[in-house]
């Protein structure tokens, strides 16, 4: 997986979770923005984790 795909995957997960919680709590605006922020963090961690995996392999 490339760096860009890892970031997009994390962002998509965050948006999906934020949307689900926002619909359940009837506060979509808050949870959608929180989902984007959490997803960006996940995407960066996925990207950094991939970088560590590439440097560890022989």
C-alpha atoms as a PDB file:
ATOM      1  CA  UNK A   1       0.000   0.000   0.000  1.00  0.00           C
ATOM      2  CA  UNK A   2       1.384   3.392  -0.903  1.00  0.00           C
ATOM      3  CA  UNK A   3       1.559   6.306   1.514  1.00  0.00           C
ATOM      4  CA  UNK A   4      -1.367   8.076  -0.132  1.00  0.00           C
ATOM      5  CA  UNK A   5      -3.591   5.009  -0.010  1.00  0.00           C
ATOM      6  CA  UNK A   6      -2.795   4.495   3.678  1.00  0.00           C
ATOM      7  CA  UNK A   7      -3.781   8.092   4.439  1.00  0.00           C
ATOM      8  CA  UNK A   8      -7.006   7.831   2.453  1.00  0.00           C
ATOM      9  CA  UNK A   9      -7.873   4.537   4.158  1.00  0.00           C
ATOM     10  CA  UNK A  10      -7.492   6.113   7.607  1.00  0.00           C
ATOM     11  CA  UNK A  11      -9.460   9.177   6.588  1.00  0.00           C
ATOM     12  CA  UNK A  12     -12.274   7.025   5.207  1.00  0.00           C
ATOM     13  CA  UNK A  13     -12.482   5.009   8.420  1.00  0.00           C
ATOM     14  CA  UNK A  14     -12.648   8.192  10.490  1.00  0.00           C
ATOM     15  CA  UNK A  15     -15.362   9.740   8.337  1.00  0.00           C
ATOM     16  CA  UNK A  16     -17.431   6.549   8.453  1.00  0.00           C
ATOM     17  CA  UNK A  17     -17.203   6.281  12.235  1.00  0.00           C
ATOM     18  CA  UNK A  18     -17.880   9.989  12.708  1.00  0.00           C
ATOM     19  CA  UNK A  19     -20.931   9.845  10.453  1.00  0.00           C
ATOM     20  CA  UNK A  20     -22.347   6.797  12.239  1.00  0.00           C
ATOM     21  CA  UNK A  21     -21.957   8.373  15.678  1.00  0.00           C
ATOM     22  CA  UNK A  22     -23.282  11.707  14.405  1.00  0.00           C
ATOM     23  CA  UNK A  23     -26.444  10.142  13.020  1.00  0.00           C
ATOM     24  CA  UNK A  24     -26.989   8.152  16.213  1.00  0.00           C
ATOM     25  CA  UNK A  25     -26.594  11.211  18.452  1.00  0.00           C
ATOM     26  CA  UNK A  26     -28.365  13.653  16.088  1.00  0.00           C
ATOM     27  CA  UNK A  27     -25.270  15.870  16.022  1.00  0.00           C
ATOM     28  CA  UNK A  28     -23.803  15.181  12.608  1.00  0.00           C
ATOM     29  CA  UNK A  29     -21.801  18.406  12.288  1.00  0.00           C
ATOM     30  CA  UNK A  30     -19.758  17.789  15.407  1.00  0.00           C
ATOM     31  CA  UNK A  31     -19.071  14.117  14.816  1.00  0.00           C
ATOM     32  CA  UNK A  32     -18.321  14.468  11.124  1.00  0.00           C
ATOM     33  CA  UNK A  33     -15.619  17.023  11.846  1.00  0.00           C
ATOM     34  CA  UNK A  34     -14.268  14.889  14.690  1.00  0.00           C
ATOM     35  CA  UNK A  35     -14.272  11.881  12.359  1.00  0.00           C
ATOM     36  CA  UNK A  36     -12.187  13.784   9.817  1.00  0.00           C
ATOM     37  CA  UNK A  37      -9.684  14.776  12.507  1.00  0.00           C
ATOM     38  CA  UNK A  38      -9.464  11.260  13.942  1.00  0.00           C
ATOM     39  CA  UNK A  39      -9.237   9.793  10.446  1.00  0.00           C
ATOM     40  CA  UNK A  40      -6.360  12.098   9.550  1.00  0.00           C
ATOM     41  CA  UNK A  41      -4.530  10.902  12.641  1.00  0.00           C
ATOM     42  CA  UNK A  42      -5.206   7.289  11.727  1.00  0.00           C
ATOM     43  CA  UNK A  43      -4.027   7.889   8.182  1.00  0.00           C
ATOM     44  CA  UNK A  44      -0.776   9.390   9.376  1.00  0.00           C
ATOM     45  CA  UNK A  45      -0.202   6.508  11.774  1.00  0.00           C
ATOM     46  CA  UNK A  46      -0.930   3.981   9.001  1.00  0.00           C
ATOM     47  CA  UNK A  47       1.513   5.814   6.753  1.00  0.00           C
ATOM     48  CA  UNK A  48       4.218   5.959   9.415  1.00  0.00           C
ATOM     49  CA  UNK A  49       3.660   2.305  10.304  1.00  0.00           C
ATOM     50  CA  UNK A  50       4.161   1.364   6.676  1.00  0.00           C
ATOM     51  CA  UNK A  51       7.413   3.321   6.596  1.00  0.00           C
ATOM     52  CA  UNK A  52       8.688   1.423   9.666  1.00  0.00           C
ATOM     53  CA  UNK A  53       7.769  -1.914   8.072  1.00  0.00           C
ATOM     54  CA  UNK A  54       9.688  -1.057   4.918  1.00  0.00           C
ATOM     55  CA  UNK A  55      12.871  -0.183   6.813  1.00  0.00           C
ATOM     56  CA  UNK A  56      12.775  -3.348   8.958  1.00  0.00           C
ATOM     57  CA  UNK A  57      12.578  -5.802   6.078  1.00  0.00           C
ATOM     58  CA  UNK A  58      15.927  -7.178   4.849  1.00  0.00           C
END
